[in-house]
Amino acid sequence: MKRAFLFIAILLFVLVLKAQEQTIPYTQADRDRMVRVEAKVEALDKRIDDLKSNIDARFSGVNNKFDEVNKKIDRLDDKFDSYFRWGFGLVLMSIFGLIGFIIYDRRTTLAPVENKTERIIKSLREAAEKDPVLREALKKTALW
């Protein structure tokens, strides 16, 4: 039984080797087909390279557009900064001008009142020299 099994195994091994030994004939038609396939592959490679260069050109055009838009945005940003600084300066100058006007107006408004007050106090002092009750009242108010 072992011999029969060994004989069958060797027979199968030999048959497998014989089956692999056979060569497939390579004909002229096969060569022609290979040449045509190679030509088509080269044509496809050229088309792919052309498409790649076309896409690269388009992307560089788009990049240029983005660069132009970025430059415009930067110019607008610079203009905005400039206008903002001018506007802020004008507002500050207006505020300081208003404060200056308020101080000036207060001094000019109070000057006549101060003059009249000084004259009233002067006349009260003169009257207090003759009237002791008035003199005591002015001393209590620290005007004497």
C-alpha atoms as a PDB file:
ATOM      1  CA  MET A   1       0.000   0.000   0.000  1.00  0.00           C
ATOM      2  CA  LYS A   2       2.817   2.318   0.811  1.00  0.00           C
ATOM      3  CA  ARG A   3       4.446   1.524  -2.499  1.00  0.00           C
ATOM      4  CA  ALA A   4       1.270   2.238  -4.407  1.00  0.00           C
ATOM      5  CA  PHE A   5       0.807   5.512  -2.608  1.00  0.00           C
ATOM      6  CA  LEU A   6       4.426   6.473  -3.258  1.00  0.00           C
ATOM      7  CA  PHE A   7       4.096   5.468  -6.917  1.00  0.00           C
ATOM      8  CA  ILE A   8       0.964   7.643  -7.341  1.00  0.00           C
ATOM      9  CA  ALA A   9       2.656  10.598  -5.654  1.00  0.00           C
ATOM     10  CA  ILE A  10       5.727  10.335  -7.908  1.00  0.00           C
ATOM     11  CA  LEU A  11       3.510   9.976 -10.954  1.00  0.00           C
ATOM     12  CA  LEU A  12       1.538  13.089 -10.057  1.00  0.00           C
ATOM     13  CA  PHE A  13       4.774  15.002  -9.411  1.00  0.00           C
ATOM     14  CA  VAL A  14       6.168  14.030 -12.801  1.00  0.00           C
ATOM     15  CA  LEU A  15       2.925  14.969 -14.549  1.00  0.00           C
ATOM     16  CA  VAL A  16       2.915  18.383 -12.872  1.00  0.00           C
ATOM     17  CA  LEU A  17       6.512  18.972 -13.975  1.00  0.00           C
ATOM     18  CA  LYS A  18       5.669  17.912 -17.514  1.00  0.00           C
ATOM     19  CA  ALA A  19       2.635  20.211 -17.588  1.00  0.00           C
ATOM     20  CA  GLN A  20       4.763  23.153 -16.515  1.00  0.00           C
ATOM     21  CA  GLU A  21       7.430  22.321 -19.041  1.00  0.00           C
ATOM     22  CA  GLN A  22       5.220  23.140 -21.988  1.00  0.00           C
ATOM     23  CA  THR A  23       5.885  26.558 -23.518  1.00  0.00           C
ATOM     24  CA  ILE A  24       3.291  28.817 -25.002  1.00  0.00           C
ATOM     25  CA  PRO A  25       4.241  29.802 -28.509  1.00  0.00           C
ATOM     26  CA  TYR A  26       4.905  33.575 -29.008  1.00  0.00           C
ATOM     27  CA  THR A  27       3.774  34.447 -32.542  1.00  0.00           C
ATOM     28  CA  GLN A  28       4.322  37.456 -34.796  1.00  0.00           C
ATOM     29  CA  ALA A  29       0.740  38.568 -34.117  1.00  0.00           C
ATOM     30  CA  ASP A  30       1.531  38.626 -30.401  1.00  0.00           C
ATOM     31  CA  ARG A  31       4.584  40.796 -31.065  1.00  0.00           C
ATOM     32  CA  ASP A  32       2.550  43.176 -33.204  1.00  0.00           C
ATOM     33  CA  ARG A  33      -0.053  43.410 -30.478  1.00  0.00           C
ATOM     34  CA  MET A  34       2.663  44.199 -27.914  1.00  0.00           C
ATOM     35  CA  VAL A  35       4.071  46.946 -30.147  1.00  0.00           C
ATOM     36  CA  ARG A  36       0.613  48.498 -30.507  1.00  0.00           C
ATOM     37  CA  VAL A  37       0.027  48.304 -26.744  1.00  0.00           C
ATOM     38  CA  GLU A  38       3.385  49.972 -26.080  1.00  0.00           C
ATOM     39  CA  ALA A  39       2.540  52.739 -28.578  1.00  0.00           C
ATOM     40  CA  LYS A  40      -0.819  53.303 -26.896  1.00  0.00           C
ATOM     41  CA  VAL A  41       0.809  53.392 -23.454  1.00  0.00           C
ATOM     42  CA  GLU A  42       3.330  55.982 -24.693  1.00  0.00           C
ATOM     43  CA  ALA A  43       0.483  58.041 -26.190  1.00  0.00           C
ATOM     44  CA  LEU A  44      -1.409  57.845 -22.893  1.00  0.00           C
ATOM     45  CA  ASP A  45       1.725  58.904 -21.005  1.00  0.00           C
ATOM     46  CA  LYS A  46       2.070  61.918 -23.306  1.00  0.00           C
ATOM     47  CA  ARG A  47      -1.595  62.842 -22.824  1.00  0.00           C
ATOM     48  CA  ILE A  48      -1.247  62.521 -19.045  1.00  0.00           C
ATOM     49  CA  ASP A  49       1.858  64.743 -19.104  1.00  0.00           C
ATOM     50  CA  ASP A  50      -0.005  67.313 -21.239  1.00  0.00           C
ATOM     51  CA  LEU A  51      -2.972  67.274 -18.859  1.00  0.00           C
ATOM     52  CA  LYS A  52      -0.644  67.621 -15.899  1.00  0.00           C
ATOM     53  CA  SER A  53       1.077  70.653 -17.417  1.00  0.00           C
ATOM     54  CA  ASN A  54      -2.325  72.136 -18.315  1.00  0.00           C
ATOM     55  CA  ILE A  55      -3.568  71.651 -14.750  1.00  0.00           C
ATOM     56  CA  ASP A  56      -0.344  73.151 -13.367  1.00  0.00           C
ATOM     57  CA  ALA A  57      -0.827  76.195 -15.596  1.00  0.00           C
ATOM     58  CA  ARG A  58      -4.402  76.603 -14.402  1.00  0.00           C
ATOM     59  CA  PHE A  59      -3.375  76.280 -10.772  1.00  0.00           C
ATOM     60  CA  SER A  60      -0.643  78.857 -11.220  1.00  0.00           C
ATOM     61  CA  GLY A  61      -3.272  81.174 -12.760  1.00  0.00           C
ATOM     62  CA  VAL A  62      -5.538  80.612  -9.779  1.00  0.00           C
ATOM     63  CA  ASN A  63      -2.629  81.238  -7.413  1.00  0.00           C
ATOM     64  CA  ASN A  64      -1.926  84.519  -9.214  1.00  0.00           C
ATOM     65  CA  LYS A  65      -5.568  85.524  -8.780  1.00  0.00           C
ATOM     66  CA  PHE A  66      -5.384  84.714  -5.066  1.00  0.00           C
ATOM     67  CA  ASP A  67      -2.209  86.780  -4.776  1.00  0.00           C
ATOM     68  CA  GLU A  68      -3.925  89.729  -6.484  1.00  0.00           C
ATOM     69  CA  VAL A  69      -6.930  89.446  -4.167  1.00  0.00           C
ATOM     70  CA  ASN A  70      -4.618  89.286  -1.141  1.00  0.00           C
ATOM     71  CA  LYS A  71      -2.818  92.431  -2.318  1.00  0.00           C
ATOM     72  CA  LYS A  72      -6.150  94.235  -2.754  1.00  0.00           C
ATOM     73  CA  ILE A  73      -7.240  93.184   0.724  1.00  0.00           C
ATOM     74  CA  ASP A  74      -3.924  94.404   2.141  1.00  0.00           C
ATOM     75  CA  ARG A  75      -4.376  97.773   0.405  1.00  0.00           C
ATOM     76  CA  LEU A  76      -7.913  98.055   1.775  1.00  0.00           C
ATOM     77  CA  ASP A  77      -6.632  97.149   5.219  1.00  0.00           C
ATOM     78  CA  ASP A  78      -3.975  99.867   4.970  1.00  0.00           C
ATOM     79  CA  LYS A  79      -6.603 102.387   3.856  1.00  0.00           C
ATOM     80  CA  PHE A  80      -8.881 101.356   6.718  1.00  0.00           C
ATOM     81  CA  ASP A  81      -6.032 101.776   9.200  1.00  0.00           C
ATOM     82  CA  SER A  82      -5.267 105.195   7.777  1.00  0.00           C
ATOM     83  CA  TYR A  83      -8.906 106.311   7.887  1.00  0.00           C
ATOM     84  CA  PHE A  84      -9.300 104.887  11.381  1.00  0.00           C
ATOM     85  CA  ARG A  85      -6.273 106.824  12.620  1.00  0.00           C
ATOM     86  CA  TRP A  86      -7.515 110.043  11.034  1.00  0.00           C
ATOM     87  CA  GLY A  87     -10.990 109.520  12.451  1.00  0.00           C
ATOM     88  CA  PHE A  88      -9.638 108.750  15.901  1.00  0.00           C
ATOM     89  CA  GLY A  89      -7.420 111.848  15.729  1.00  0.00           C
ATOM     90  CA  LEU A  90     -10.348 114.022  14.685  1.00  0.00           C
ATOM     91  CA  VAL A  91     -12.493 112.731  17.527  1.00  0.00           C
ATOM     92  CA  LEU A  92      -9.718 113.379  20.050  1.00  0.00           C
ATOM     93  CA  MET A  93      -9.117 116.871  18.667  1.00  0.00           C
ATOM     94  CA  SER A  94     -12.853 117.576  18.867  1.00  0.00           C
ATOM     95  CA  ILE A  95     -12.958 116.415  22.488  1.00  0.00           C
ATOM     96  CA  PHE A  96      -9.953 118.543  23.454  1.00  0.00           C
ATOM     97  CA  GLY A  97     -11.387 121.500  21.577  1.00  0.00           C
ATOM     98  CA  LEU A  98     -14.686 121.128  23.421  1.00  0.00           C
ATOM     99  CA  ILE A  99     -12.907 120.937  26.787  1.00  0.00           C
ATOM    100  CA  GLY A 100     -10.909 124.049  25.912  1.00  0.00           C
ATOM    101  CA  PHE A 101     -14.061 125.894  24.879  1.00  0.00           C
ATOM    102  CA  ILE A 102     -15.817 124.888  28.119  1.00  0.00           C
ATOM    103  CA  ILE A 103     -12.915 126.199  30.212  1.00  0.00           C
ATOM    104  CA  TYR A 104     -12.752 129.436  28.208  1.00  0.00           C
ATOM    105  CA  ASP A 105     -16.523 129.957  28.377  1.00  0.00           C
ATOM    106  CA  ARG A 106     -16.593 129.349  32.130  1.00  0.00           C
ATOM    107  CA  ARG A 107     -13.851 131.895  32.778  1.00  0.00           C
ATOM    108  CA  THR A 108     -15.453 134.523  30.581  1.00  0.00           C
ATOM    109  CA  THR A 109     -18.862 133.893  32.135  1.00  0.00           C
ATOM    110  CA  LEU A 110     -17.603 134.009  35.723  1.00  0.00           C
ATOM    111  CA  ALA A 111     -15.384 137.100  35.316  1.00  0.00           C
ATOM    112  CA  PRO A 112     -18.244 139.644  35.522  1.00  0.00           C
ATOM    113  CA  VAL A 113     -19.797 137.779  38.446  1.00  0.00           C
ATOM    114  CA  GLU A 114     -16.485 137.834  40.329  1.00  0.00           C
ATOM    115  CA  ASN A 115     -16.134 141.571  39.706  1.00  0.00           C
ATOM    116  CA  LYS A 116     -19.614 142.226  41.062  1.00  0.00           C
ATOM    117  CA  THR A 117     -18.965 139.971  44.062  1.00  0.00           C
ATOM    118  CA  GLU A 118     -15.740 141.815  44.866  1.00  0.00           C
ATOM    119  CA  ARG A 119     -17.526 145.172  44.673  1.00  0.00           C
ATOM    120  CA  ILE A 120     -20.321 143.905  46.940  1.00  0.00           C
ATOM    121  CA  ILE A 121     -17.839 142.638  49.515  1.00  0.00           C
ATOM    122  CA  LYS A 122     -15.920 145.915  49.331  1.00  0.00           C
ATOM    123  CA  SER A 123     -19.072 147.941  49.916  1.00  0.00           C
ATOM    124  CA  LEU A 124     -20.098 145.655  52.812  1.00  0.00           C
ATOM    125  CA  ARG A 125     -16.707 146.172  54.460  1.00  0.00           C
ATOM    126  CA  GLU A 126     -17.055 149.907  54.109  1.00  0.00           C
ATOM    127  CA  ALA A 127     -20.508 149.731  55.685  1.00  0.00           C
ATOM    128  CA  ALA A 128     -19.207 147.429  58.430  1.00  0.00           C
ATOM    129  CA  GLU A 129     -16.759 150.114  59.583  1.00  0.00           C
ATOM    130  CA  LYS A 130     -19.746 152.191  60.663  1.00  0.00           C
ATOM    131  CA  ASP A 131     -22.062 149.351  61.799  1.00  0.00           C
ATOM    132  CA  PRO A 132     -20.786 146.921  64.494  1.00  0.00           C
ATOM    133  CA  VAL A 133     -23.576 144.358  63.908  1.00  0.00           C
ATOM    134  CA  LEU A 134     -22.626 144.070  60.238  1.00  0.00           C
ATOM    135  CA  ARG A 135     -18.975 143.796  61.234  1.00  0.00           C
ATOM    136  CA  GLU A 136     -19.738 140.800  63.487  1.00  0.00           C
ATOM    137  CA  ALA A 137     -21.744 139.146  60.734  1.00  0.00           C
ATOM    138  CA  LEU A 138     -18.855 139.577  58.255  1.00  0.00           C
ATOM    139  CA  LYS A 139     -16.397 138.160  60.820  1.00  0.00           C
ATOM    140  CA  LYS A 140     -18.593 135.065  61.267  1.00  0.00           C
ATOM    141  CA  THR A 141     -18.570 134.485  57.513  1.00  0.00           C
ATOM    142  CA  ALA A 142     -14.809 135.167  57.256  1.00  0.00           C
ATOM    143  CA  LEU A 143     -15.278 138.142  54.973  1.00  0.00           C
ATOM    144  CA  TRP A 144     -13.702 140.662  57.341  1.00  0.00           C
END
